[in-house]
Protein backbone atom coordinates (compact mmCIF):
# COMPACT_ATOMS: atom_id res chain seq x y z
CA LEU A 1 -14.28 -71.28 45.35
CA GLN A 2 -13.24 -67.86 46.61
CA ALA A 3 -14.28 -64.65 44.86
CA THR A 4 -12.00 -61.64 44.72
CA ASP A 5 -13.12 -58.05 44.63
CA PRO A 6 -11.30 -56.23 41.76
CA THR A 7 -11.76 -52.89 43.54
CA ALA A 8 -10.20 -54.04 46.80
CA GLN A 9 -6.98 -52.35 47.85
CA ASN A 10 -3.79 -54.28 48.38
CA VAL A 11 -3.06 -55.01 52.00
CA GLU A 12 0.54 -55.32 53.00
CA LYS A 13 1.45 -56.64 56.42
CA THR A 14 4.53 -55.10 57.94
CA GLN A 15 6.52 -56.72 60.69
CA ALA A 16 7.96 -53.34 61.63
CA SER A 17 4.58 -52.20 62.88
CA ALA A 18 4.41 -52.27 66.69
CA ASN A 19 0.78 -53.38 66.77
CA ASN A 20 1.00 -55.68 63.72
CA SER A 21 -1.90 -53.88 62.01
CA PRO A 22 -1.89 -54.02 58.18
CA THR A 23 -0.80 -51.06 56.10
CA ILE A 24 -3.15 -50.23 53.22
CA THR A 25 -1.45 -49.44 49.92
CA SER A 26 -3.19 -48.70 46.65
CA ALA A 27 -1.77 -49.56 43.26
CA ALA A 28 -0.57 -46.48 41.38
CA PRO A 29 -2.09 -45.98 37.94
CA THR A 30 0.29 -46.58 35.08
CA HIS A 31 1.15 -43.70 32.80
CA SER A 32 2.98 -44.04 29.50
CA LEU A 33 4.20 -41.48 26.98
CA VAL A 34 2.59 -41.99 23.59
CA GLY A 35 3.92 -38.91 21.78
CA ILE A 36 5.12 -35.32 21.89
CA MET A 37 3.70 -32.64 19.58
CA GLY A 38 5.09 -29.20 18.76
CA THR A 39 8.63 -28.08 18.03
CA GLY A 40 10.71 -24.93 18.17
CA SER A 41 8.69 -21.91 19.26
CA LYS A 42 5.40 -23.84 19.28
CA ARG A 43 4.04 -24.90 22.65
CA GLN A 44 4.79 -28.56 23.22
CA THR A 45 2.05 -31.01 24.15
CA ALA A 46 2.56 -34.52 25.53
CA LEU A 47 0.25 -37.40 24.68
CA ILE A 48 0.03 -39.47 27.86
CA LYS A 49 -1.85 -42.73 28.21
CA SER A 50 -3.43 -43.43 31.56
CA GLY A 51 -5.52 -46.57 31.76
CA ASP A 52 -7.53 -46.87 28.54
CA SER A 53 -7.44 -43.20 27.55
CA VAL A 54 -4.90 -40.86 25.95
CA LYS A 55 -4.81 -37.22 27.02
CA GLU A 56 -3.10 -34.15 25.51
CA VAL A 57 -1.28 -32.38 28.34
CA VAL A 58 0.86 -29.23 28.55
CA PRO A 59 3.31 -28.46 31.38
CA GLY A 60 1.47 -27.51 34.56
CA GLU A 61 -1.64 -29.57 33.74
CA LEU A 62 -2.90 -32.51 35.78
CA VAL A 63 -2.29 -35.89 34.13
CA GLY A 64 -4.36 -37.87 36.61
CA ALA A 65 -4.23 -39.46 40.07
CA GLY A 66 -2.45 -36.42 41.49
CA TRP A 67 0.35 -36.37 38.88
CA THR A 68 1.15 -33.10 37.07
CA LEU A 69 3.20 -32.72 33.89
CA GLN A 70 6.29 -30.81 34.99
CA SER A 71 8.35 -30.65 31.79
CA ILE A 72 8.67 -31.93 28.23
CA ALA A 73 12.03 -32.83 26.66
CA GLU A 74 12.89 -34.21 23.21
CA ASN A 75 11.81 -37.81 23.91
CA GLN A 76 10.67 -37.80 27.53
CA VAL A 77 8.49 -36.00 30.05
CA THR A 78 8.72 -35.53 33.80
CA LEU A 79 5.67 -35.93 36.05
CA ARG A 80 5.46 -34.69 39.65
CA GLN A 81 3.11 -35.69 42.44
CA GLY A 82 2.80 -33.82 45.72
CA GLY A 83 4.35 -30.43 44.95
CA GLN A 84 8.03 -29.49 45.15
CA GLU A 85 8.83 -32.06 47.84
CA GLY A 86 6.83 -34.83 46.17
CA GLN A 87 7.73 -37.73 43.92
CA THR A 88 8.82 -37.42 40.30
CA LYS A 89 8.85 -39.94 37.51
CA VAL A 90 10.21 -39.75 33.97
CA LEU A 91 8.29 -41.25 31.04
CA THR A 92 10.27 -42.00 27.88
CA LEU A 93 8.88 -42.55 24.38
CA GLY A 94 8.85 -46.24 23.54
CA ASP A 95 8.70 -47.48 27.13
CA PRO A 96 5.68 -49.67 27.88
């Protein structure tokens, strides 16, 4: 019987590596859009679920794990990680 450590990082072996050493990758936390509050001239707030918690976030605020809420649209939000040159992802209402 072999035990697994739930906190261990995923190890991915790459053949492209000259010395065949493993590359460590960590699983990105999952974010989902639960709701959007505010309309018209009111400041909009996104309800974003990360793990087991839901957080109210306005544009410019940190969502978690290095992701920042960049913008809020009618039924979706855009998150950015790593500044202007970083990654972006779009969360849409109703997506798991």
